[in-house]
């Protein structure tokens, strides 16, 4: 189940219809913009502003608050699945999950030459190093067919970190020094295509990661039972 999905797989979005999305595009967009604007404001003032307006029952703020809660809840469901897997300390998948979700950076480094896959214990070329950057012991690598799984595990599990890091990088790339907060937020919102791609990646990745982890947990429960 952790293999990269085929193009027709729901986990890859080939058969994922909007009715099956874990979060809607509007909910994801609200979440992303809320987290991004909080970074752009620099002092957390946007979050406080949204909270204040939501308390005053301003419709736009109530919607954003509900969207953030919805996306956060979906992410926490994945957190709960991951923690169940990590609790099985003798499982290779437990080790992989720990490395991925505690890393500051996405698992994108391809290892040259032959490496042993942590999950299958087989040697192959082009394995992916999922080790944390701070590790000093032997690296943890997985076969390239699991690359989509570990990438989406990182993205879905660490969504807020990804959004905030992306926004900081985007801010650093803005060359004009005299842009107002309104200018910056308007420019960020204009990235509609990026937001759409991030939403699709999230719902597809969430489907794949959830199905993979649930399959593993069910298999382990049947084996131990």
C-alpha atoms as a PDB file:
ATOM      1  CA  UNK A   1       0.000   0.000   0.000  1.00  0.00           C
ATOM      2  CA  UNK A   2       2.929   2.389   0.496  1.00  0.00           C
ATOM      3  CA  UNK A   3       4.135   2.026  -3.090  1.00  0.00           C
ATOM      4  CA  UNK A   4       3.757   5.057  -5.341  1.00  0.00           C
ATOM      5  CA  UNK A   5       0.139   4.952  -6.570  1.00  0.00           C
ATOM      6  CA  UNK A   6      -0.725   4.276 -10.188  1.00  0.00           C
ATOM      7  CA  UNK A   7      -2.308   7.107 -12.146  1.00  0.00           C
ATOM      8  CA  UNK A   8      -5.765   5.601 -11.720  1.00  0.00           C
ATOM      9  CA  UNK A   9      -5.388   5.193  -7.965  1.00  0.00           C
ATOM     10  CA  UNK A  10      -7.563   7.380  -5.716  1.00  0.00           C
ATOM     11  CA  UNK A  11      -4.443   8.102  -3.679  1.00  0.00           C
ATOM     12  CA  UNK A  12      -2.880   9.744  -6.709  1.00  0.00           C
ATOM     13  CA  UNK A  13      -5.998  11.703  -7.504  1.00  0.00           C
ATOM     14  CA  UNK A  14      -6.866   9.814 -10.694  1.00  0.00           C
ATOM     15  CA  UNK A  15     -10.216   8.789  -9.260  1.00  0.00           C
ATOM     16  CA  UNK A  16     -10.509  11.254  -6.383  1.00  0.00           C
ATOM     17  CA  UNK A  17     -13.625  13.342  -6.895  1.00  0.00           C
ATOM     18  CA  UNK A  18     -14.286  16.518  -4.930  1.00  0.00           C
ATOM     19  CA  UNK A  19     -16.900  14.723  -2.846  1.00  0.00           C
ATOM     20  CA  UNK A  20     -14.148  12.406  -1.594  1.00  0.00           C
ATOM     21  CA  UNK A  21     -11.708  15.155  -0.605  1.00  0.00           C
ATOM     22  CA  UNK A  22     -10.800  15.181   3.076  1.00  0.00           C
ATOM     23  CA  UNK A  23     -10.962  18.996   2.939  1.00  0.00           C
ATOM     24  CA  UNK A  24     -12.484  21.254   0.306  1.00  0.00           C
ATOM     25  CA  UNK A  25     -10.464  23.691  -1.773  1.00  0.00           C
ATOM     26  CA  UNK A  26     -12.002  26.623   0.113  1.00  0.00           C
ATOM     27  CA  UNK A  27     -11.134  25.085   3.486  1.00  0.00           C
ATOM     28  CA  UNK A  28      -7.560  24.430   2.409  1.00  0.00           C
ATOM     29  CA  UNK A  29      -7.206  27.891   0.885  1.00  0.00           C
ATOM     30  CA  UNK A  30      -8.521  29.538   4.059  1.00  0.00           C
ATOM     31  CA  UNK A  31      -6.064  27.506   6.138  1.00  0.00           C
ATOM     32  CA  UNK A  32      -3.096  28.261   3.899  1.00  0.00           C
ATOM     33  CA  UNK A  33      -3.799  31.998   3.684  1.00  0.00           C
ATOM     34  CA  UNK A  34      -4.410  32.244   7.432  1.00  0.00           C
ATOM     35  CA  UNK A  35      -1.061  30.621   8.249  1.00  0.00           C
ATOM     36  CA  UNK A  36       0.739  32.555   5.509  1.00  0.00           C
ATOM     37  CA  UNK A  37      -0.697  35.936   6.504  1.00  0.00           C
ATOM     38  CA  UNK A  38       0.325  35.256  10.078  1.00  0.00           C
ATOM     39  CA  UNK A  39       3.916  34.887   8.841  1.00  0.00           C
ATOM     40  CA  UNK A  40       3.646  37.978   6.617  1.00  0.00           C
ATOM     41  CA  UNK A  41       2.302  40.078   9.486  1.00  0.00           C
ATOM     42  CA  UNK A  42       5.469  39.170  11.390  1.00  0.00           C
ATOM     43  CA  UNK A  43       4.051  39.384  14.889  1.00  0.00           C
ATOM     44  CA  UNK A  44       1.024  37.098  14.959  1.00  0.00           C
ATOM     45  CA  UNK A  45      -1.323  40.062  14.598  1.00  0.00           C
ATOM     46  CA  UNK A  46      -3.304  38.487  11.767  1.00  0.00           C
ATOM     47  CA  UNK A  47      -4.172  35.434  13.862  1.00  0.00           C
ATOM     48  CA  UNK A  48      -5.337  37.689  16.684  1.00  0.00           C
ATOM     49  CA  UNK A  49      -7.341  39.775  14.210  1.00  0.00           C
ATOM     50  CA  UNK A  50      -9.130  36.723  12.783  1.00  0.00           C
ATOM     51  CA  UNK A  51      -9.866  35.420  16.284  1.00  0.00           C
ATOM     52  CA  UNK A  52     -11.260  38.798  17.361  1.00  0.00           C
ATOM     53  CA  UNK A  53     -13.467  39.056  14.274  1.00  0.00           C
ATOM     54  CA  UNK A  54     -14.667  35.476  14.701  1.00  0.00           C
ATOM     55  CA  UNK A  55     -15.666  36.254  18.273  1.00  0.00           C
ATOM     56  CA  UNK A  56     -17.666  39.187  16.889  1.00  0.00           C
ATOM     57  CA  UNK A  57     -19.282  36.711  14.475  1.00  0.00           C
ATOM     58  CA  UNK A  58     -18.039  38.367  11.300  1.00  0.00           C
ATOM     59  CA  UNK A  59     -19.018  35.796   8.624  1.00  0.00           C
ATOM     60  CA  UNK A  60     -15.647  35.771   6.807  1.00  0.00           C
ATOM     61  CA  UNK A  61     -13.727  35.235  10.054  1.00  0.00           C
ATOM     62  CA  UNK A  62     -16.136  32.554  11.276  1.00  0.00           C
ATOM     63  CA  UNK A  63     -15.592  30.708   7.984  1.00  0.00           C
ATOM     64  CA  UNK A  64     -11.801  30.960   8.209  1.00  0.00           C
ATOM     65  CA  UNK A  65     -11.835  29.793  11.822  1.00  0.00           C
ATOM     66  CA  UNK A  66     -13.971  26.804  10.839  1.00  0.00           C
ATOM     67  CA  UNK A  67     -11.702  26.012   7.870  1.00  0.00           C
ATOM     68  CA  UNK A  68      -8.552  26.129   9.989  1.00  0.00           C
ATOM     69  CA  UNK A  69     -10.191  23.871  12.561  1.00  0.00           C
ATOM     70  CA  UNK A  70     -11.255  21.441   9.841  1.00  0.00           C
ATOM     71  CA  UNK A  71      -7.821  21.152   8.217  1.00  0.00           C
ATOM     72  CA  UNK A  72      -6.113  20.970  11.603  1.00  0.00           C
ATOM     73  CA  UNK A  73      -8.444  18.153  12.610  1.00  0.00           C
ATOM     74  CA  UNK A  74      -7.647  16.171   9.458  1.00  0.00           C
ATOM     75  CA  UNK A  75      -3.909  16.599  10.061  1.00  0.00           C
ATOM     76  CA  UNK A  76      -4.295  15.482  13.660  1.00  0.00           C
ATOM     77  CA  UNK A  77      -6.043  12.313  12.509  1.00  0.00           C
ATOM     78  CA  UNK A  78      -2.904  11.475  10.532  1.00  0.00           C
ATOM     79  CA  UNK A  79      -0.800  12.340  13.587  1.00  0.00           C
ATOM     80  CA  UNK A  80      -2.810   9.788  15.573  1.00  0.00           C
ATOM     81  CA  UNK A  81      -2.224   7.065  12.966  1.00  0.00           C
ATOM     82  CA  UNK A  82       1.493   7.860  12.855  1.00  0.00           C
ATOM     83  CA  UNK A  83       1.768   7.688  16.635  1.00  0.00           C
ATOM     84  CA  UNK A  84       0.142   4.246  16.620  1.00  0.00           C
ATOM     85  CA  UNK A  85       2.737   3.074  14.095  1.00  0.00           C
ATOM     86  CA  UNK A  86       5.598   4.703  16.009  1.00  0.00           C
ATOM     87  CA  UNK A  87       4.408   2.847  19.100  1.00  0.00           C
ATOM     88  CA  UNK A  88       5.435  -0.385  17.376  1.00  0.00           C
ATOM     89  CA  UNK A  89       9.098   0.334  17.989  1.00  0.00           C
ATOM     90  CA  UNK A  90      10.340  -2.944  16.508  1.00  0.00           C
ATOM     91  CA  UNK A  91       8.711  -2.250  13.139  1.00  0.00           C
ATOM     92  CA  UNK A  92      10.845  -0.794  10.320  1.00  0.00           C
ATOM     93  CA  UNK A  93       7.906   1.447   9.374  1.00  0.00           C
ATOM     94  CA  UNK A  94       7.954   2.879  12.882  1.00  0.00           C
ATOM     95  CA  UNK A  95      11.563   3.918  12.359  1.00  0.00           C
ATOM     96  CA  UNK A  96      10.806   5.458   8.957  1.00  0.00           C
ATOM     97  CA  UNK A  97       7.836   7.408  10.316  1.00  0.00           C
ATOM     98  CA  UNK A  98       9.904   8.736  13.216  1.00  0.00           C
ATOM     99  CA  UNK A  99      12.659   9.932  10.886  1.00  0.00           C
ATOM    100  CA  UNK A 100      10.239  11.610   8.467  1.00  0.00           C
ATOM    101  CA  UNK A 101       7.913  13.411  10.877  1.00  0.00           C
ATOM    102  CA  UNK A 102      10.682  14.693  13.164  1.00  0.00           C
ATOM    103  CA  UNK A 103      12.837  16.057  10.341  1.00  0.00           C
ATOM    104  CA  UNK A 104      13.014  19.749   9.506  1.00  0.00           C
ATOM    105  CA  UNK A 105      13.381  19.002   5.798  1.00  0.00           C
ATOM    106  CA  UNK A 106      11.425  16.918   3.308  1.00  0.00           C
ATOM    107  CA  UNK A 107      12.900  13.520   2.340  1.00  0.00           C
ATOM    108  CA  UNK A 108      14.244  14.350  -1.120  1.00  0.00           C
ATOM    109  CA  UNK A 109      17.890  13.231  -1.021  1.00  0.00           C
ATOM    110  CA  UNK A 110      18.626  10.346  -3.397  1.00  0.00           C
ATOM    111  CA  UNK A 111      21.498   8.112  -2.329  1.00  0.00           C
ATOM    112  CA  UNK A 112      24.118   7.234  -4.948  1.00  0.00           C
ATOM    113  CA  UNK A 113      25.078   3.600  -5.411  1.00  0.00           C
ATOM    114  CA  UNK A 114      23.528   0.615  -3.655  1.00  0.00           C
ATOM    115  CA  UNK A 115      21.640   1.010  -0.392  1.00  0.00           C
ATOM    116  CA  UNK A 116      19.496  -1.243   1.758  1.00  0.00           C
ATOM    117  CA  UNK A 117      15.810  -0.363   1.991  1.00  0.00           C
ATOM    118  CA  UNK A 118      14.772  -0.134   5.648  1.00  0.00           C
ATOM    119  CA  UNK A 119      11.289  -1.437   4.841  1.00  0.00           C
ATOM    120  CA  UNK A 120      12.137  -4.409   2.601  1.00  0.00           C
ATOM    121  CA  UNK A 121      15.757  -5.129   3.619  1.00  0.00           C
ATOM    122  CA  UNK A 122      16.748  -5.379  -0.044  1.00  0.00           C
ATOM    123  CA  UNK A 123      19.619  -3.647  -1.815  1.00  0.00           C
ATOM    124  CA  UNK A 124      18.851  -1.291  -4.698  1.00  0.00           C
ATOM    125  CA  UNK A 125      20.035   1.862  -6.421  1.00  0.00           C
ATOM    126  CA  UNK A 126      18.356   5.248  -6.117  1.00  0.00           C
ATOM    127  CA  UNK A 127      17.124   4.820  -2.546  1.00  0.00           C
ATOM    128  CA  UNK A 128      15.799   7.844  -0.668  1.00  0.00           C
ATOM    129  CA  UNK A 129      17.508   8.983   2.524  1.00  0.00           C
ATOM    130  CA  UNK A 130      14.802   9.793   5.087  1.00  0.00           C
ATOM    131  CA  UNK A 131      17.221  10.405   7.973  1.00  0.00           C
ATOM    132  CA  UNK A 132      17.048  13.565  10.024  1.00  0.00           C
ATOM    133  CA  UNK A 133      19.834  16.020   9.257  1.00  0.00           C
ATOM    134  CA  UNK A 134      21.046  15.861  12.872  1.00  0.00           C
ATOM    135  CA  UNK A 135      21.508  12.082  12.916  1.00  0.00           C
ATOM    136  CA  UNK A 136      25.032  10.797  13.464  1.00  0.00           C
ATOM    137  CA  UNK A 137      24.405   7.056  13.148  1.00  0.00           C
ATOM    138  CA  UNK A 138      23.777   5.055   9.963  1.00  0.00           C
ATOM    139  CA  UNK A 139      21.287   6.605   7.506  1.00  0.00           C
ATOM    140  CA  UNK A 140      17.741   5.320   7.101  1.00  0.00           C
ATOM    141  CA  UNK A 141      16.954   4.700   3.436  1.00  0.00           C
ATOM    142  CA  UNK A 142      13.908   3.418   1.565  1.00  0.00           C
ATOM    143  CA  UNK A 143      13.397   2.118  -1.980  1.00  0.00           C
ATOM    144  CA  UNK A 144      12.398   4.727  -4.551  1.00  0.00           C
ATOM    145  CA  UNK A 145       8.948   3.140  -4.877  1.00  0.00           C
ATOM    146  CA  UNK A 146       8.207   4.461  -1.365  1.00  0.00           C
ATOM    147  CA  UNK A 147       9.297   8.017  -2.214  1.00  0.00           C
ATOM    148  CA  UNK A 148       5.746   9.258  -2.775  1.00  0.00           C
ATOM    149  CA  UNK A 149       4.651   7.819   0.558  1.00  0.00           C
ATOM    150  CA  UNK A 150       7.428   9.449   2.605  1.00  0.00           C
ATOM    151  CA  UNK A 151       7.067  12.772   0.764  1.00  0.00           C
ATOM    152  CA  UNK A 152       3.322  12.879   1.375  1.00  0.00           C
ATOM    153  CA  UNK A 153       3.756  11.697   4.952  1.00  0.00           C
ATOM    154  CA  UNK A 154       6.034  14.674   5.548  1.00  0.00           C
ATOM    155  CA  UNK A 155       3.748  17.114   3.711  1.00  0.00           C
ATOM    156  CA  UNK A 156       0.493  16.066   5.367  1.00  0.00           C
ATOM    157  CA  UNK A 157       1.944  15.526   8.846  1.00  0.00           C
ATOM    158  CA  UNK A 158       3.912  18.798   8.810  1.00  0.00           C
ATOM    159  CA  UNK A 159       1.547  20.960   6.756  1.00  0.00           C
ATOM    160  CA  UNK A 160       1.766  24.054   8.955  1.00  0.00           C
ATOM    161  CA  UNK A 161       5.570  23.894   8.978  1.00  0.00           C
ATOM    162  CA  UNK A 162       5.572  23.542   5.176  1.00  0.00           C
ATOM    163  CA  UNK A 163       3.253  26.531   4.701  1.00  0.00           C
ATOM    164  CA  UNK A 164       5.180  28.748   7.103  1.00  0.00           C
ATOM    165  CA  UNK A 165       8.554  27.788   5.606  1.00  0.00           C
ATOM    166  CA  UNK A 166       7.246  28.368   2.096  1.00  0.00           C
ATOM    167  CA  UNK A 167       5.902  31.782   3.075  1.00  0.00           C
ATOM    168  CA  UNK A 168       9.184  32.818   4.688  1.00  0.00           C
ATOM    169  CA  UNK A 169      11.048  31.858   1.519  1.00  0.00           C
ATOM    170  CA  UNK A 170       8.499  33.743  -0.594  1.00  0.00           C
ATOM    171  CA  UNK A 171       8.866  36.840   1.591  1.00  0.00           C
ATOM    172  CA  UNK A 172      12.648  36.745   1.296  1.00  0.00           C
ATOM    173  CA  UNK A 173      12.301  36.676  -2.495  1.00  0.00           C
ATOM    174  CA  UNK A 174      10.263  39.906  -2.652  1.00  0.00           C
ATOM    175  CA  UNK A 175      12.789  42.461  -3.863  1.00  0.00           C
ATOM    176  CA  UNK A 176      10.827  45.623  -3.109  1.00  0.00           C
ATOM    177  CA  UNK A 177      11.449  46.913   0.413  1.00  0.00           C
ATOM    178  CA  UNK A 178       8.555  49.379   0.517  1.00  0.00           C
ATOM    179  CA  UNK A 179       5.667  46.937   0.056  1.00  0.00           C
ATOM    180  CA  UNK A 180       2.883  47.352   2.595  1.00  0.00           C
ATOM    181  CA  UNK A 181       1.204  44.459   4.386  1.00  0.00           C
ATOM    182  CA  UNK A 182      -1.773  44.873   2.062  1.00  0.00           C
ATOM    183  CA  UNK A 183       0.512  44.752  -0.992  1.00  0.00           C
ATOM    184  CA  UNK A 184       2.214  41.585   0.238  1.00  0.00           C
ATOM    185  CA  UNK A 185      -0.996  39.744   1.078  1.00  0.00           C
ATOM    186  CA  UNK A 186      -2.560  40.714  -2.272  1.00  0.00           C
ATOM    187  CA  UNK A 187       0.506  39.462  -4.103  1.00  0.00           C
ATOM    188  CA  UNK A 188       0.509  36.218  -2.136  1.00  0.00           C
ATOM    189  CA  UNK A 189      -3.201  35.598  -2.778  1.00  0.00           C
ATOM    190  CA  UNK A 190      -2.570  35.991  -6.510  1.00  0.00           C
ATOM    191  CA  UNK A 191      -0.767  32.617  -6.475  1.00  0.00           C
ATOM    192  CA  UNK A 192      -4.016  30.758  -7.103  1.00  0.00           C
ATOM    193  CA  UNK A 193      -2.455  28.063  -9.269  1.00  0.00           C
ATOM    194  CA  UNK A 194       0.096  27.229  -6.569  1.00  0.00           C
ATOM    195  CA  UNK A 195      -2.605  27.005  -3.917  1.00  0.00           C
ATOM    196  CA  UNK A 196      -4.669  24.733  -6.149  1.00  0.00           C
ATOM    197  CA  UNK A 197      -1.694  22.422  -6.710  1.00  0.00           C
ATOM    198  CA  UNK A 198      -0.947  22.341  -2.989  1.00  0.00           C
ATOM    199  CA  UNK A 199      -4.555  21.461  -2.217  1.00  0.00           C
ATOM    200  CA  UNK A 200      -4.609  18.615  -4.728  1.00  0.00           C
ATOM    201  CA  UNK A 201      -1.285  17.332  -3.424  1.00  0.00           C
ATOM    202  CA  UNK A 202      -2.676  17.417   0.112  1.00  0.00           C
ATOM    203  CA  UNK A 203      -5.928  15.556  -0.535  1.00  0.00           C
ATOM    204  CA  UNK A 204      -4.208  12.957  -2.733  1.00  0.00           C
ATOM    205  CA  UNK A 205      -1.336  12.565  -0.297  1.00  0.00           C
ATOM    206  CA  UNK A 206      -3.706  12.323   2.650  1.00  0.00           C
ATOM    207  CA  UNK A 207      -5.650   9.538   0.934  1.00  0.00           C
ATOM    208  CA  UNK A 208      -2.478   7.589   0.158  1.00  0.00           C
ATOM    209  CA  UNK A 209      -0.847   8.015   3.570  1.00  0.00           C
ATOM    210  CA  UNK A 210      -4.039   7.226   5.478  1.00  0.00           C
ATOM    211  CA  UNK A 211      -4.773   4.122   3.423  1.00  0.00           C
ATOM    212  CA  UNK A 212      -1.168   2.918   3.749  1.00  0.00           C
ATOM    213  CA  UNK A 213      -0.984   3.389   7.517  1.00  0.00           C
ATOM    214  CA  UNK A 214      -4.416   1.871   8.114  1.00  0.00           C
ATOM    215  CA  UNK A 215      -3.490  -1.134   5.947  1.00  0.00           C
ATOM    216  CA  UNK A 216      -0.302  -1.637   7.957  1.00  0.00           C
ATOM    217  CA  UNK A 217      -2.111  -1.340  11.306  1.00  0.00           C
ATOM    218  CA  UNK A 218      -4.825  -3.772  10.239  1.00  0.00           C
ATOM    219  CA  UNK A 219      -2.210  -6.239   9.008  1.00  0.00           C
ATOM    220  CA  UNK A 220      -0.292  -5.982  12.278  1.00  0.00           C
ATOM    221  CA  UNK A 221      -3.451  -6.415  14.337  1.00  0.00           C
ATOM    222  CA  UNK A 222      -4.398  -9.553  12.386  1.00  0.00           C
ATOM    223  CA  UNK A 223      -0.854 -10.928  12.678  1.00  0.00           C
ATOM    224  CA  UNK A 224      -0.678 -10.356  16.414  1.00  0.00           C
ATOM    225  CA  UNK A 225      -4.234 -11.506  16.964  1.00  0.00           C
END
